[in-house]
Amino acid sequence: MINPRVFVSRKIFPEALELLSQVAEVDVWPDELPPNPQELGNKIANADGLLTTIMDRIDASILDRAPRLKVISQLAVGLDNVDVEEASRRGILVGFTPGILSKATADVGFALLLSAARRIGESERWVRAGGWEMSFHPMYWLGAEVNGATLGIVGLGQIGLEMAKRGLGFDMRVIYHSRTRKPELEEKYGLEYVPPQELLSESDFVSLHIPLTPETRHFISEPELRMMKPTAILINLARGPVVDPKALYTALSEKWIQAAALDVTDPEPIPPDDPLLTLDNLVITPHIGSASVSTRREMCMVAARNLAAGIRGEKMEHCANPEIYPSKGL
């Protein structure tokens, strides 16, 4: 009997690889950069399972090269890089890792909010460049007040809720817009539901937590940026293409809004010559929302358990297309 084979597209925690090695032969991509489509197709040509990240595009052209593939396990919550509908059509289970990274990501989100509001990154660069010539001046480095300001949450999922809770800890007024209204959370936390236009026009800080879909691509573009206060700050923890980067550059350089803070960009990684990188009123981190040791370890373990379950013909902990379970006798 031929042992199942799985391909892991990036290095992950060794304990997760050990778990996988108990159910299959494991092939791990050794490089820091992800495999390109040709390399990925070659690696999964004889694979029964695939553990992938958001850097890997899994579409019909890739799946055509993997006739044995039974399960895809995504090391993330978002699945915009995986054609789940096409995988379902082929009877391939798709796993993902929800409910793990919300707190760690919201921690980074609020750190970005504070950094943009109080000009932490900009002033730190100024100090390192030798610009600090006097110990104090009452009119230097004035930033935005966070305490008591209005925080607008777009997308009240798990990460959005955690971001809201951190805002409440700073005595912020928290308003939100989401696809579905959540009165139980409004009552529990004192949140206010508002239409998107009202959220944009009233918020001192707008924090994005929506999935990337055809409908949300460039959700924030020129019209939305012009609705915001000139003192407003935009935070994006969702996906880069949710914000139109050209419109954002114009808004920041022409001071339609005060500042922005991004943990995701479009494209990603952002090119070194991107004009956004020339702006002092922009904070950018390299998609580190979930990058705490404990969170990333647990994400790897859940992704490995999802993949192992799929290989064994068992139900996953977290499956994005459970409707195909009956066809597999599960």
Foldseek 3Di string as FASTA:
>chain_A
DAAAEEEEFADADVVLVVLLVVRGHYHYDDDPDTDDLVVLLVVQLDHQEYEEELVAQADPVSVVSHLNHAEYFYLADADPSHPVVVCVVSNHWYHYDPPQQQQLLLVVQVVLVVCLQQVVVLVVVCVVVVNPDDDDDPPPSHGHDLQAFEEEEEAPDSNSVSNVVVSVVSVYQYEYEHPDDDVVCCVVPVYHYDPLLCSQQRGQEYEYADEDDPVQQQVPAQVSLLSHQLAHEYEYLYEARSHDVVRVLCCPVVSSHPAYEYAHHVVPPDDPPPPVVVGSSYHYHPNCSRPDPVSSNVSSNLSSQQRSCSSVLHHHPGIPCCVSNVVSVD
